[in-house]
Amino acid sequence: MKETKEVFKDKEFLDISQKEIEQFIDVFNDYSVEYPSQNEIDQCIENLRVYVPKKKSLLQIFEKLLSRGQIEISYINKLYWIISILVFLITFKLATDMSINPYKVITLISPIPLLLGFIEIFKGKENNMLELELSFKISGKEIIISRIIIIGIFNIILNTAMSVLFFKTGLDIQLLEINIFWMVPFVWVNLIAFTIAKNFRGGYVSLGVISFWILLVSILFKSKYFIERIMYINTGVYIAMAIAGIYLYYRILKKYIKTEVKDFQYEE
């Protein structure tokens, strides 16, 4: 008790005798807590389970981003849509008038409109307006990816339409084959561009990759050996390359939406 007095300088505590302390201890020792039964615990868990957020399926996430993308259409510069359509129409006109191989044309042109779209996709972040865009309960990452989805769908429609136009001209091409043909550069070139653009200014990356792609295709298509090789590759190989690119693009976007633009995450 003497040691206790030295540690606790409380007069009221000092008035308590050793016997009273022992009585308190006995009371607490006799006190028991009634634990709920296992059935009660299980019932409580089941009652609370309805409040636990469910993991959204890939389809639900895509539907949410697509719905958001429909809103984003109004924020994308109308000039972008016009330029993209004109690029395809002018290219198609020149190709038919000059009798250029449609496979060459579709390979060259297929990734370009989406590459131009990166200027619109990343403009909020680069103009320091992403904070304002986050006035809604939506993350900046979702805004960017929803724009990619909408612009990507628009470009797929353009490429498919151009393939159909070439087919309708009576040229010796197969509709399915030419659609698979443009899908490979469309996916892979834009995949590489997105990987770079998310770390640098989208406008610079867009123009840089377009210039590099046009230069590369121009050089490669001067080689008859190269043209013969790519023209006679089995269609299954192109399908496999396209699927691999789409899967890799999906993985990169999935990682991006979880990790990027952390400073702009708007909590719901």
Protein backbone atom coordinates (compact mmCIF):
# COMPACT_ATOMS: atom_id res chain seq x y z
CA MET A 1 0.00 0.00 0.00
CA LYS A 2 2.93 2.24 0.69
CA GLU A 3 4.17 1.84 -2.88
CA THR A 4 0.67 2.60 -4.17
CA LYS A 5 0.62 5.86 -2.24
CA GLU A 6 3.89 6.88 -3.85
CA VAL A 7 2.61 6.22 -7.36
CA PHE A 8 -0.95 7.60 -7.01
CA LYS A 9 -1.02 10.97 -5.31
CA ASP A 10 -4.79 10.93 -4.94
CA LYS A 11 -6.15 11.75 -1.47
CA GLU A 12 -9.43 9.96 -2.08
CA PHE A 13 -7.60 6.89 -3.22
CA LEU A 14 -5.37 7.06 -0.16
CA ASP A 15 -8.44 6.89 2.08
CA ILE A 16 -9.34 3.46 0.70
CA SER A 17 -8.11 0.67 2.85
CA GLN A 18 -6.53 -2.53 1.65
CA LYS A 19 -9.60 -4.44 2.76
CA GLU A 20 -11.90 -2.24 0.66
CA ILE A 21 -9.68 -2.76 -2.37
CA GLU A 22 -9.89 -6.51 -1.91
CA GLN A 23 -13.68 -6.25 -1.69
CA PHE A 24 -13.74 -4.37 -5.02
CA ILE A 25 -11.59 -7.07 -6.56
CA ASP A 26 -13.93 -9.78 -5.30
CA VAL A 27 -16.95 -7.97 -6.76
CA PHE A 28 -15.30 -7.72 -10.19
CA ASN A 29 -14.22 -11.32 -10.04
CA ASP A 30 -17.81 -12.39 -9.46
CA TYR A 31 -19.06 -10.24 -12.37
CA SER A 32 -19.59 -12.20 -15.58
CA VAL A 33 -20.36 -11.06 -19.12
CA GLU A 34 -23.05 -12.94 -20.96
CA TYR A 35 -21.79 -13.65 -24.46
CA PRO A 36 -24.31 -14.10 -27.28
CA SER A 37 -24.85 -17.57 -28.62
CA GLN A 38 -23.41 -18.66 -31.96
CA ASN A 39 -26.88 -18.45 -33.51
CA GLU A 40 -27.27 -14.85 -32.35
CA ILE A 41 -23.85 -13.97 -33.77
CA ASP A 42 -24.71 -15.58 -37.12
CA GLN A 43 -28.05 -13.77 -37.21
CA CYS A 44 -26.35 -10.43 -36.53
CA ILE A 45 -23.88 -11.06 -39.36
CA GLU A 46 -26.69 -11.92 -41.76
CA ASN A 47 -28.59 -8.76 -40.77
CA LEU A 48 -25.53 -6.62 -41.45
CA ARG A 49 -24.62 -8.39 -44.69
CA VAL A 50 -27.18 -6.36 -46.66
CA TYR A 51 -25.21 -3.19 -45.82
CA VAL A 52 -21.90 -4.57 -47.12
CA PRO A 53 -21.09 -3.10 -50.58
CA LYS A 54 -21.13 -5.80 -53.24
CA LYS A 55 -18.25 -6.13 -55.67
CA LYS A 56 -19.41 -4.89 -59.04
CA SER A 57 -19.10 -7.18 -62.02
CA LEU A 58 -17.12 -6.19 -65.10
CA LEU A 59 -20.37 -5.65 -66.99
CA GLN A 60 -21.72 -3.30 -64.28
CA ILE A 61 -18.49 -1.30 -64.29
CA PHE A 62 -18.58 -1.04 -68.09
CA GLU A 63 -22.22 0.07 -68.03
CA LYS A 64 -21.37 2.76 -65.47
CA LEU A 65 -18.44 4.04 -67.55
CA LEU A 66 -20.52 3.93 -70.73
CA SER A 67 -23.29 5.89 -69.03
CA ARG A 68 -20.73 8.45 -67.86
CA GLY A 69 -19.26 8.53 -71.37
CA GLN A 70 -22.61 9.56 -72.83
CA ILE A 71 -22.45 12.63 -70.60
CA GLU A 72 -18.83 13.27 -71.63
CA ILE A 73 -19.82 13.48 -75.31
CA SER A 74 -21.07 17.03 -74.76
CA TYR A 75 -17.68 18.02 -73.27
CA ILE A 76 -15.65 16.71 -76.20
CA ASN A 77 -14.86 19.36 -78.79
CA LYS A 78 -17.21 19.03 -81.77
CA LEU A 79 -14.29 19.82 -84.04
CA TYR A 80 -12.75 16.48 -83.07
CA TRP A 81 -15.74 14.53 -84.42
CA ILE A 82 -15.74 16.53 -87.65
CA ILE A 83 -11.98 16.15 -88.23
CA SER A 84 -12.11 12.39 -87.57
CA ILE A 85 -14.90 11.86 -90.10
CA LEU A 86 -13.16 14.08 -92.67
CA VAL A 87 -9.89 12.16 -92.25
CA PHE A 88 -11.68 8.92 -93.13
CA LEU A 89 -13.67 10.37 -96.03
CA ILE A 90 -10.68 12.11 -97.61
CA THR A 91 -8.49 9.03 -97.16
CA PHE A 92 -11.14 6.80 -98.72
CA LYS A 93 -11.58 9.17 -101.66
CA LEU A 94 -7.84 9.39 -102.33
CA ALA A 95 -7.43 5.63 -101.98
CA THR A 96 -10.16 4.83 -104.52
CA ASP A 97 -9.09 7.53 -106.99
CA MET A 98 -5.42 6.48 -106.85
CA SER A 99 -6.18 2.73 -106.71
CA ILE A 100 -4.20 2.24 -103.52
CA ASN A 101 -4.35 -1.15 -101.82
CA PRO A 102 -7.21 -0.83 -99.27
CA TYR A 103 -5.32 -3.01 -96.78
CA LYS A 104 -2.49 -0.47 -96.77
CA VAL A 105 -4.92 2.41 -96.33
CA ILE A 106 -6.87 0.85 -93.48
CA THR A 107 -3.65 -0.13 -91.69
CA LEU A 108 -2.31 3.41 -91.90
CA ILE A 109 -5.48 5.26 -90.96
CA SER A 110 -7.11 2.98 -88.35
CA PRO A 111 -5.31 4.20 -85.19
CA ILE A 112 -5.05 7.89 -86.10
CA PRO A 113 -8.49 9.30 -85.04
CA LEU A 114 -8.23 7.68 -81.60
CA LEU A 115 -4.70 9.03 -81.27
CA LEU A 116 -6.12 12.49 -81.98
CA GLY A 117 -8.72 11.76 -79.33
CA PHE A 118 -6.07 11.60 -76.60
CA ILE A 119 -5.96 15.40 -76.78
CA GLU A 120 -9.61 15.46 -75.72
CA ILE A 121 -9.30 12.54 -73.31
CA PHE A 122 -6.58 14.12 -71.18
CA LYS A 123 -7.42 17.80 -71.65
CA GLY A 124 -9.03 18.17 -68.20
CA LYS A 125 -5.94 16.95 -66.39
CA GLU A 126 -3.56 18.96 -68.55
CA ASN A 127 -5.54 22.21 -68.27
CA ASN A 128 -5.64 21.83 -64.48
CA MET A 129 -9.41 21.50 -64.69
CA LEU A 130 -9.69 17.97 -63.33
CA GLU A 131 -10.47 19.28 -59.84
CA LEU A 132 -13.47 21.12 -61.28
CA GLU A 133 -14.57 18.00 -63.16
CA LEU A 134 -14.54 16.20 -59.83
CA SER A 135 -17.39 18.35 -58.52
CA PHE A 136 -19.44 15.20 -59.01
CA LYS A 137 -18.98 11.99 -57.06
CA ILE A 138 -16.83 10.57 -59.83
CA SER A 139 -13.09 10.01 -59.90
CA GLY A 140 -10.91 11.65 -62.51
CA LYS A 141 -9.86 8.19 -63.65
CA GLU A 142 -13.44 7.27 -64.48
CA ILE A 143 -13.84 10.45 -66.52
CA ILE A 144 -10.73 9.68 -68.56
CA ILE A 145 -11.61 6.03 -69.15
CA SER A 146 -15.23 6.84 -70.03
CA ARG A 147 -13.91 9.21 -72.71
CA ILE A 148 -11.62 6.47 -74.02
CA ILE A 149 -14.59 4.10 -74.29
CA ILE A 150 -16.80 6.60 -76.14
CA ILE A 151 -14.07 7.79 -78.52
CA GLY A 152 -12.94 4.19 -79.00
CA ILE A 153 -16.45 3.06 -79.98
CA PHE A 154 -16.70 6.02 -82.37
CA ASN A 155 -13.43 5.00 -84.03
CA ILE A 156 -14.47 1.36 -84.32
CA ILE A 157 -17.61 2.52 -86.13
CA LEU A 158 -15.52 4.69 -88.47
CA ASN A 159 -13.07 1.88 -89.27
CA THR A 160 -15.88 -0.61 -89.83
CA ALA A 161 -17.73 1.85 -92.08
CA MET A 162 -14.57 2.42 -94.12
CA SER A 163 -14.08 -1.34 -94.50
CA VAL A 164 -17.66 -1.69 -95.74
CA LEU A 165 -17.15 1.16 -98.23
CA PHE A 166 -14.04 -0.52 -99.63
CA PHE A 167 -15.96 -3.78 -99.88
CA LYS A 168 -18.86 -2.06 -101.69
CA THR A 169 -16.52 -0.62 -104.32
CA GLY A 170 -16.12 -4.12 -105.74
CA LEU A 171 -12.44 -4.44 -104.88
CA ASP A 172 -11.02 -7.89 -104.32
CA ILE A 173 -11.20 -7.85 -100.52
CA GLN A 174 -12.91 -9.90 -97.84
CA LEU A 175 -15.00 -7.90 -95.40
CA LEU A 176 -14.17 -10.01 -92.34
CA GLU A 177 -10.49 -10.11 -93.20
CA ILE A 178 -10.10 -6.36 -93.66
CA ASN A 179 -11.90 -5.68 -90.37
CA ILE A 180 -9.54 -8.02 -88.54
CA PHE A 181 -6.64 -6.43 -90.42
CA TRP A 182 -7.21 -2.92 -89.08
CA MET A 183 -7.99 -4.10 -85.56
CA VAL A 184 -4.37 -5.07 -84.82
CA PRO A 185 -2.73 -1.65 -85.39
CA PHE A 186 -5.79 0.08 -83.93
CA VAL A 187 -5.41 -1.75 -80.62
CA TRP A 188 -1.64 -1.95 -80.29
CA VAL A 189 -0.70 1.55 -81.46
CA ASN A 190 -3.29 3.16 -79.19
CA LEU A 191 -2.28 0.88 -76.31
CA ILE A 192 1.30 2.11 -76.55
CA ALA A 193 0.13 5.72 -76.94
CA PHE A 194 -2.10 5.52 -73.86
CA THR A 195 0.72 4.02 -71.79
CA ILE A 196 2.86 7.03 -72.68
CA ALA A 197 0.09 9.65 -72.56
CA LYS A 198 -0.95 8.88 -68.98
CA ASN A 199 2.52 9.97 -67.86
CA PHE A 200 3.06 12.88 -70.25
CA ARG A 201 0.99 15.52 -72.00
CA GLY A 202 -1.59 13.80 -74.19
CA GLY A 203 -1.38 16.42 -76.95
CA TYR A 204 2.35 15.97 -77.45
CA VAL A 205 2.07 12.19 -77.31
CA SER A 206 -0.84 12.21 -79.76
CA LEU A 207 0.96 14.25 -82.41
CA GLY A 208 4.26 12.47 -81.80
CA VAL A 209 2.83 8.96 -82.17
CA ILE A 210 0.80 9.94 -85.26
CA SER A 211 3.94 11.32 -86.94
CA PHE A 212 5.97 8.26 -85.98
CA TRP A 213 3.24 5.87 -87.15
CA ILE A 214 2.84 7.53 -90.56
CA LEU A 215 6.63 7.54 -91.03
CA LEU A 216 6.96 3.89 -89.96
CA VAL A 217 4.15 2.66 -92.21
CA SER A 218 5.50 4.66 -95.16
CA ILE A 219 8.93 3.06 -94.77
CA LEU A 220 7.63 -0.48 -94.25
CA PHE A 221 5.19 -0.34 -97.15
CA LYS A 222 8.02 0.49 -99.55
CA SER A 223 9.26 -3.05 -99.03
CA LYS A 224 7.45 -5.56 -101.25
CA TYR A 225 8.76 -8.38 -99.07
CA PHE A 226 7.14 -6.85 -95.98
CA ILE A 227 3.81 -6.34 -97.77
CA GLU A 228 3.77 -9.92 -99.01
CA ARG A 229 4.57 -11.22 -95.55
CA ILE A 230 1.80 -9.35 -93.72
CA MET A 231 -0.74 -9.96 -96.47
CA TYR A 232 -0.35 -13.72 -96.31
CA ILE A 233 -0.19 -14.17 -92.55
CA ASN A 234 -2.90 -16.52 -91.35
CA THR A 235 -6.06 -14.69 -90.24
CA GLY A 236 -5.96 -16.64 -86.97
CA VAL A 237 -2.65 -14.95 -86.11
CA TYR A 238 -4.24 -11.51 -86.56
CA ILE A 239 -7.18 -12.54 -84.40
CA ALA A 240 -4.81 -13.78 -81.67
CA MET A 241 -2.80 -10.53 -81.81
CA ALA A 242 -5.97 -8.43 -81.58
CA ILE A 243 -7.33 -10.44 -78.63
CA ALA A 244 -3.96 -10.25 -76.84
CA GLY A 245 -3.86 -6.48 -77.37
CA ILE A 246 -7.43 -6.00 -76.13
CA TYR A 247 -6.72 -8.10 -73.02
CA LEU A 248 -3.52 -6.19 -72.27
CA TYR A 249 -5.33 -2.87 -72.82
CA TYR A 250 -8.01 -4.02 -70.37
CA ARG A 251 -5.38 -4.94 -67.76
CA ILE A 252 -3.63 -1.58 -68.12
CA LEU A 253 -6.91 0.37 -67.85
CA LYS A 254 -7.92 -1.70 -64.82
CA LYS A 255 -4.61 -0.94 -63.11
CA TYR A 256 -4.85 2.72 -64.13
CA ILE A 257 -8.31 3.22 -62.63
CA LYS A 258 -7.08 1.76 -59.32
CA THR A 259 -3.77 3.56 -59.01
CA GLU A 260 -3.58 6.70 -61.12
CA VAL A 261 -4.67 10.28 -60.39
CA LYS A 262 -4.70 9.52 -56.67
CA ASP A 263 -4.66 13.16 -55.67
CA PHE A 264 -7.93 13.77 -57.50
CA GLN A 265 -9.94 10.90 -56.06
CA TYR A 266 -13.31 12.23 -54.93
CA GLU A 267 -14.73 10.11 -52.15
CA GLU A 268 -18.40 9.24 -52.26
